[in-house]
N, C-alpha and C. Protein backbone atom coordinates (compact mmCIF):
# COMPACT_ATOMS: atom_id res chain seq x y z
N MET A 1 -12.78 -89.12 27.86
CA MET A 1 -12.34 -89.12 29.24
C MET A 1 -10.91 -89.62 29.31
N ILE A 2 -10.09 -88.94 30.11
CA ILE A 2 -8.69 -89.32 30.29
C ILE A 2 -8.50 -89.75 31.75
N SER A 3 -7.85 -90.88 31.92
CA SER A 3 -7.48 -91.32 33.26
C SER A 3 -6.02 -91.78 33.23
N THR A 4 -5.42 -91.84 34.41
CA THR A 4 -4.03 -92.26 34.52
C THR A 4 -3.78 -92.86 35.88
N HIS A 5 -2.70 -93.58 35.99
CA HIS A 5 -2.18 -93.98 37.29
C HIS A 5 -0.66 -94.08 37.17
N VAL A 6 0.00 -94.01 38.32
CA VAL A 6 1.47 -94.05 38.35
C VAL A 6 1.90 -95.18 39.26
N LEU A 7 2.77 -96.03 38.74
CA LEU A 7 3.36 -97.11 39.52
C LEU A 7 4.85 -96.86 39.65
N ASP A 8 5.35 -96.92 40.86
CA ASP A 8 6.78 -96.79 41.12
C ASP A 8 7.36 -98.20 41.05
N THR A 9 7.95 -98.54 39.90
CA THR A 9 8.42 -99.91 39.69
C THR A 9 9.64 -100.23 40.55
N SER A 10 10.36 -99.21 41.04
CA SER A 10 11.49 -99.49 41.92
C SER A 10 11.01 -99.91 43.30
N GLU A 11 9.81 -99.51 43.66
CA GLU A 11 9.22 -99.87 44.95
C GLU A 11 8.23 -101.03 44.82
N GLY A 12 7.76 -101.25 43.60
CA GLY A 12 6.77 -102.31 43.39
C GLY A 12 5.40 -101.95 43.93
N ARG A 13 5.07 -100.64 43.91
CA ARG A 13 3.77 -100.21 44.43
C ARG A 13 3.33 -98.90 43.77
N PRO A 14 2.07 -98.52 43.99
CA PRO A 14 1.57 -97.26 43.42
C PRO A 14 2.35 -96.07 43.98
N ALA A 15 2.48 -95.05 43.16
CA ALA A 15 3.14 -93.81 43.56
C ALA A 15 2.07 -92.81 43.98
N ALA A 16 1.93 -92.63 45.27
CA ALA A 16 0.93 -91.69 45.81
C ALA A 16 1.51 -90.29 45.89
N GLY A 17 0.67 -89.30 45.65
CA GLY A 17 1.06 -87.90 45.81
C GLY A 17 1.78 -87.28 44.63
N VAL A 18 1.67 -87.88 43.44
CA VAL A 18 2.28 -87.29 42.25
C VAL A 18 1.32 -86.27 41.65
N PRO A 19 1.69 -84.98 41.62
CA PRO A 19 0.83 -83.99 40.97
C PRO A 19 0.77 -84.24 39.46
N VAL A 20 -0.44 -84.14 38.91
CA VAL A 20 -0.66 -84.39 37.48
C VAL A 20 -1.51 -83.25 36.92
N GLU A 21 -1.10 -82.75 35.75
CA GLU A 21 -1.83 -81.69 35.07
C GLU A 21 -2.31 -82.21 33.72
N LEU A 22 -3.54 -81.89 33.36
CA LEU A 22 -4.12 -82.28 32.07
C LEU A 22 -4.34 -81.03 31.24
N ALA A 23 -3.89 -81.06 29.97
CA ALA A 23 -4.07 -79.92 29.07
C ALA A 23 -4.39 -80.44 27.67
N ARG A 24 -4.96 -79.56 26.84
CA ARG A 24 -5.15 -79.89 25.42
C ARG A 24 -4.63 -78.75 24.58
N ARG A 25 -4.18 -79.12 23.38
CA ARG A 25 -3.62 -78.12 22.47
C ARG A 25 -4.75 -77.33 21.82
N THR A 26 -4.57 -76.02 21.76
CA THR A 26 -5.57 -75.15 21.14
C THR A 26 -5.23 -74.95 19.66
N ALA A 27 -6.11 -74.27 18.95
CA ALA A 27 -5.92 -74.03 17.52
C ALA A 27 -4.64 -73.25 17.23
N ASP A 28 -4.20 -72.40 18.15
CA ASP A 28 -2.98 -71.62 17.92
C ASP A 28 -1.71 -72.35 18.37
N GLY A 29 -1.87 -73.60 18.83
CA GLY A 29 -0.72 -74.42 19.22
C GLY A 29 -0.31 -74.32 20.67
N SER A 30 -0.95 -73.46 21.43
CA SER A 30 -0.63 -73.36 22.85
C SER A 30 -1.38 -74.44 23.63
N TRP A 31 -1.03 -74.60 24.89
CA TRP A 31 -1.67 -75.60 25.75
C TRP A 31 -2.66 -74.92 26.69
N LEU A 32 -3.88 -75.44 26.71
CA LEU A 32 -4.92 -74.97 27.62
C LEU A 32 -5.00 -75.96 28.77
N VAL A 33 -4.64 -75.51 29.97
CA VAL A 33 -4.70 -76.40 31.14
C VAL A 33 -6.16 -76.59 31.52
N LEU A 34 -6.58 -77.84 31.56
CA LEU A 34 -7.97 -78.17 31.89
C LEU A 34 -8.16 -78.42 33.38
N GLY A 35 -7.11 -78.85 34.04
CA GLY A 35 -7.21 -79.12 35.47
C GLY A 35 -6.00 -79.88 35.95
N SER A 36 -5.97 -80.09 37.25
CA SER A 36 -4.88 -80.84 37.85
C SER A 36 -5.41 -81.69 38.98
N SER A 37 -4.59 -82.63 39.38
CA SER A 37 -4.95 -83.57 40.43
C SER A 37 -3.65 -84.09 41.03
N ALA A 38 -3.76 -85.04 41.90
CA ALA A 38 -2.60 -85.75 42.43
C ALA A 38 -3.01 -87.20 42.62
N THR A 39 -2.06 -88.09 42.45
CA THR A 39 -2.37 -89.51 42.60
C THR A 39 -2.75 -89.83 44.04
N ASN A 40 -3.72 -90.71 44.19
CA ASN A 40 -4.16 -91.13 45.52
C ASN A 40 -3.29 -92.30 46.00
N THR A 41 -3.66 -92.92 47.10
CA THR A 41 -2.86 -94.02 47.66
C THR A 41 -2.79 -95.23 46.73
N ASP A 42 -3.71 -95.31 45.77
CA ASP A 42 -3.69 -96.38 44.78
C ASP A 42 -2.94 -95.95 43.52
N GLY A 43 -2.34 -94.75 43.54
CA GLY A 43 -1.59 -94.25 42.40
C GLY A 43 -2.45 -93.70 41.28
N ARG A 44 -3.73 -93.50 41.53
CA ARG A 44 -4.67 -93.07 40.48
C ARG A 44 -5.11 -91.63 40.67
N CYS A 45 -5.49 -91.00 39.57
CA CYS A 45 -6.08 -89.66 39.57
C CYS A 45 -7.54 -89.81 39.15
N PRO A 46 -8.43 -89.96 40.11
CA PRO A 46 -9.83 -90.23 39.77
C PRO A 46 -10.63 -89.00 39.34
N ASP A 47 -10.04 -87.81 39.44
CA ASP A 47 -10.83 -86.60 39.22
C ASP A 47 -10.29 -85.67 38.13
N LEU A 48 -9.65 -86.21 37.10
CA LEU A 48 -9.22 -85.37 35.99
C LEU A 48 -10.45 -84.89 35.22
N PRO A 49 -10.45 -83.65 34.75
CA PRO A 49 -11.64 -83.10 34.08
C PRO A 49 -11.79 -83.64 32.66
N PRO A 50 -12.97 -83.45 32.06
CA PRO A 50 -13.16 -83.83 30.66
C PRO A 50 -12.37 -82.89 29.74
N LEU A 51 -12.23 -83.29 28.47
CA LEU A 51 -11.46 -82.50 27.51
C LEU A 51 -12.13 -81.18 27.14
N GLY A 52 -13.44 -81.09 27.32
CA GLY A 52 -14.12 -79.84 27.06
C GLY A 52 -14.34 -79.51 25.60
N VAL A 53 -14.31 -80.52 24.75
CA VAL A 53 -14.62 -80.32 23.33
C VAL A 53 -15.62 -81.38 22.90
N ASP A 54 -16.43 -81.05 21.92
CA ASP A 54 -17.42 -81.96 21.37
C ASP A 54 -16.74 -83.04 20.55
N SER A 55 -17.25 -84.26 20.59
CA SER A 55 -16.64 -85.36 19.84
C SER A 55 -16.67 -85.11 18.33
N ALA A 56 -17.57 -84.25 17.86
CA ALA A 56 -17.62 -83.92 16.43
C ALA A 56 -16.42 -83.08 16.01
N ALA A 57 -15.72 -82.49 16.97
CA ALA A 57 -14.57 -81.64 16.66
C ALA A 57 -13.40 -82.44 16.10
N GLY A 58 -13.40 -83.74 16.30
CA GLY A 58 -12.30 -84.58 15.82
C GLY A 58 -11.21 -84.70 16.85
N PRO A 59 -10.13 -85.41 16.48
CA PRO A 59 -9.04 -85.66 17.42
C PRO A 59 -8.36 -84.39 17.91
N VAL A 60 -7.91 -84.43 19.15
CA VAL A 60 -7.18 -83.32 19.75
C VAL A 60 -5.90 -83.85 20.40
N ASP A 61 -4.89 -82.99 20.46
CA ASP A 61 -3.67 -83.36 21.16
C ASP A 61 -3.87 -83.07 22.64
N VAL A 62 -3.47 -84.03 23.45
CA VAL A 62 -3.65 -83.98 24.90
C VAL A 62 -2.28 -84.13 25.55
N GLN A 63 -2.11 -83.47 26.69
CA GLN A 63 -0.84 -83.55 27.42
C GLN A 63 -1.11 -83.85 28.89
N LEU A 64 -0.42 -84.84 29.41
CA LEU A 64 -0.38 -85.10 30.84
C LEU A 64 1.01 -84.72 31.32
N VAL A 65 1.09 -83.90 32.37
CA VAL A 65 2.38 -83.51 32.94
C VAL A 65 2.42 -84.05 34.37
N PHE A 66 3.38 -84.91 34.62
CA PHE A 66 3.57 -85.53 35.93
C PHE A 66 4.73 -84.82 36.63
N ASP A 67 4.48 -84.27 37.81
CA ASP A 67 5.50 -83.56 38.58
C ASP A 67 6.29 -84.57 39.41
N ILE A 68 7.29 -85.14 38.80
CA ILE A 68 8.08 -86.18 39.45
C ILE A 68 8.98 -85.59 40.54
N ALA A 69 9.42 -84.35 40.35
CA ALA A 69 10.27 -83.70 41.35
C ALA A 69 9.57 -83.64 42.70
N ALA A 70 8.30 -83.26 42.70
CA ALA A 70 7.55 -83.17 43.96
C ALA A 70 7.46 -84.54 44.64
N TYR A 71 7.22 -85.57 43.84
CA TYR A 71 7.12 -86.94 44.38
C TYR A 71 8.46 -87.38 44.98
N ARG A 72 9.55 -87.19 44.23
CA ARG A 72 10.87 -87.64 44.71
C ARG A 72 11.33 -86.84 45.93
N ARG A 73 11.12 -85.54 45.91
CA ARG A 73 11.55 -84.71 47.04
C ARG A 73 10.79 -85.05 48.31
N ALA A 74 9.51 -85.39 48.17
CA ALA A 74 8.71 -85.78 49.34
C ALA A 74 9.25 -87.07 49.96
N ARG A 75 9.97 -87.84 49.17
CA ARG A 75 10.57 -89.08 49.66
C ARG A 75 12.03 -88.89 50.08
N GLY A 76 12.50 -87.64 50.07
CA GLY A 76 13.88 -87.36 50.45
C GLY A 76 14.88 -87.70 49.37
N GLU A 77 14.44 -87.79 48.14
CA GLU A 77 15.30 -88.17 47.02
C GLU A 77 15.53 -86.96 46.11
N THR A 78 16.62 -86.99 45.37
CA THR A 78 16.89 -85.98 44.36
C THR A 78 16.37 -86.51 43.03
N PRO A 79 15.48 -85.78 42.36
CA PRO A 79 14.92 -86.29 41.11
C PRO A 79 15.89 -86.16 39.94
N PHE A 80 15.99 -87.20 39.14
CA PHE A 80 16.75 -87.14 37.89
C PHE A 80 15.85 -86.56 36.79
N PHE A 81 14.61 -87.05 36.72
CA PHE A 81 13.60 -86.50 35.82
C PHE A 81 12.67 -85.62 36.65
N PRO A 82 12.73 -84.30 36.51
CA PRO A 82 11.85 -83.45 37.31
C PRO A 82 10.39 -83.54 36.90
N GLU A 83 10.15 -83.83 35.63
CA GLU A 83 8.78 -84.00 35.17
C GLU A 83 8.75 -84.95 33.99
N VAL A 84 7.58 -85.51 33.77
CA VAL A 84 7.34 -86.34 32.59
C VAL A 84 6.15 -85.73 31.87
N ARG A 85 6.35 -85.42 30.59
CA ARG A 85 5.27 -84.90 29.74
C ARG A 85 4.90 -85.99 28.74
N VAL A 86 3.64 -86.33 28.72
CA VAL A 86 3.14 -87.33 27.79
C VAL A 86 2.14 -86.64 26.88
N VAL A 87 2.44 -86.60 25.60
CA VAL A 87 1.57 -85.98 24.62
C VAL A 87 1.03 -87.07 23.70
N PHE A 88 -0.29 -87.06 23.50
CA PHE A 88 -0.92 -88.06 22.63
C PHE A 88 -2.14 -87.44 21.97
N THR A 89 -2.64 -88.11 20.95
CA THR A 89 -3.82 -87.65 20.22
C THR A 89 -5.02 -88.48 20.67
N ALA A 90 -6.11 -87.77 20.99
CA ALA A 90 -7.29 -88.45 21.53
C ALA A 90 -8.54 -88.01 20.78
N ASP A 91 -9.46 -88.93 20.64
CA ASP A 91 -10.80 -88.65 20.15
C ASP A 91 -11.63 -88.22 21.35
N PRO A 92 -12.24 -87.04 21.34
CA PRO A 92 -12.96 -86.57 22.52
C PRO A 92 -14.05 -87.51 23.03
N GLY A 93 -14.63 -88.34 22.19
CA GLY A 93 -15.69 -89.23 22.62
C GLY A 93 -15.20 -90.59 23.11
N THR A 94 -13.90 -90.78 23.19
CA THR A 94 -13.32 -92.07 23.55
C THR A 94 -12.62 -91.98 24.90
N ARG A 95 -12.68 -93.07 25.66
CA ARG A 95 -12.00 -93.13 26.96
C ARG A 95 -10.56 -93.58 26.74
N TYR A 96 -9.62 -92.90 27.41
CA TYR A 96 -8.21 -93.24 27.34
C TYR A 96 -7.64 -93.38 28.74
N HIS A 97 -6.90 -94.46 28.95
CA HIS A 97 -6.19 -94.65 30.21
C HIS A 97 -4.71 -94.70 29.86
N VAL A 98 -3.92 -93.78 30.42
CA VAL A 98 -2.51 -93.65 30.07
C VAL A 98 -1.67 -93.75 31.34
N PRO A 99 -1.23 -94.96 31.70
CA PRO A 99 -0.44 -95.16 32.90
C PRO A 99 1.03 -94.76 32.71
N LEU A 100 1.66 -94.39 33.82
CA LEU A 100 3.08 -94.09 33.86
C LEU A 100 3.75 -95.09 34.79
N LEU A 101 4.76 -95.78 34.27
CA LEU A 101 5.59 -96.67 35.08
C LEU A 101 6.89 -95.92 35.34
N LEU A 102 7.22 -95.75 36.60
CA LEU A 102 8.28 -94.84 37.00
C LEU A 102 9.34 -95.54 37.83
N ASN A 103 10.59 -95.20 37.58
CA ASN A 103 11.68 -95.58 38.48
C ASN A 103 12.64 -94.39 38.52
N PRO A 104 13.63 -94.38 39.40
CA PRO A 104 14.45 -93.17 39.55
C PRO A 104 15.16 -92.69 38.28
N TYR A 105 15.51 -93.61 37.36
CA TYR A 105 16.27 -93.21 36.19
C TYR A 105 15.62 -93.62 34.87
N GLY A 106 14.32 -93.85 34.91
CA GLY A 106 13.62 -94.19 33.69
C GLY A 106 12.12 -94.20 33.90
N TYR A 107 11.40 -94.23 32.81
CA TYR A 107 9.93 -94.31 32.86
C TYR A 107 9.42 -94.84 31.53
N SER A 108 8.21 -95.33 31.54
CA SER A 108 7.54 -95.72 30.31
C SER A 108 6.05 -95.44 30.46
N VAL A 109 5.40 -95.24 29.34
CA VAL A 109 3.96 -95.01 29.30
C VAL A 109 3.37 -95.90 28.23
N TYR A 110 2.06 -96.12 28.34
CA TYR A 110 1.37 -96.90 27.33
C TYR A 110 -0.10 -96.58 27.39
N ARG A 111 -0.83 -96.97 26.35
CA ARG A 111 -2.28 -96.83 26.39
C ARG A 111 -2.83 -98.08 27.04
N GLY A 112 -3.44 -97.90 28.17
CA GLY A 112 -4.02 -99.02 28.91
C GLY A 112 -5.49 -99.16 28.59
N SER A 113 -6.16 -99.92 29.43
CA SER A 113 -7.59 -100.13 29.21
C SER A 113 -8.37 -99.71 30.43
């Protein structure tokens, strides 16, 4: 299971309304989009879909794409980073929480709990 949340560190609060897409890499190297969501008022995406592979398949590459342009434009701002792509390797049977800390000219991600 993959979960995420976005905090706007320049505002000191959750970033609501950030579109997020979840995908996994296929055997041919392309990305299979599993689903999308948007952050709620708490900055979380509670409804991202499962990876859709059996845990016996072994680790898979996963991608979260955050549409920062949509978030910034909704606030009347011009985005410097139009999107943030976070690619990581996940075990299908393990839970991963990957938060994004965002400000207008920088961002960071980490594996949370």
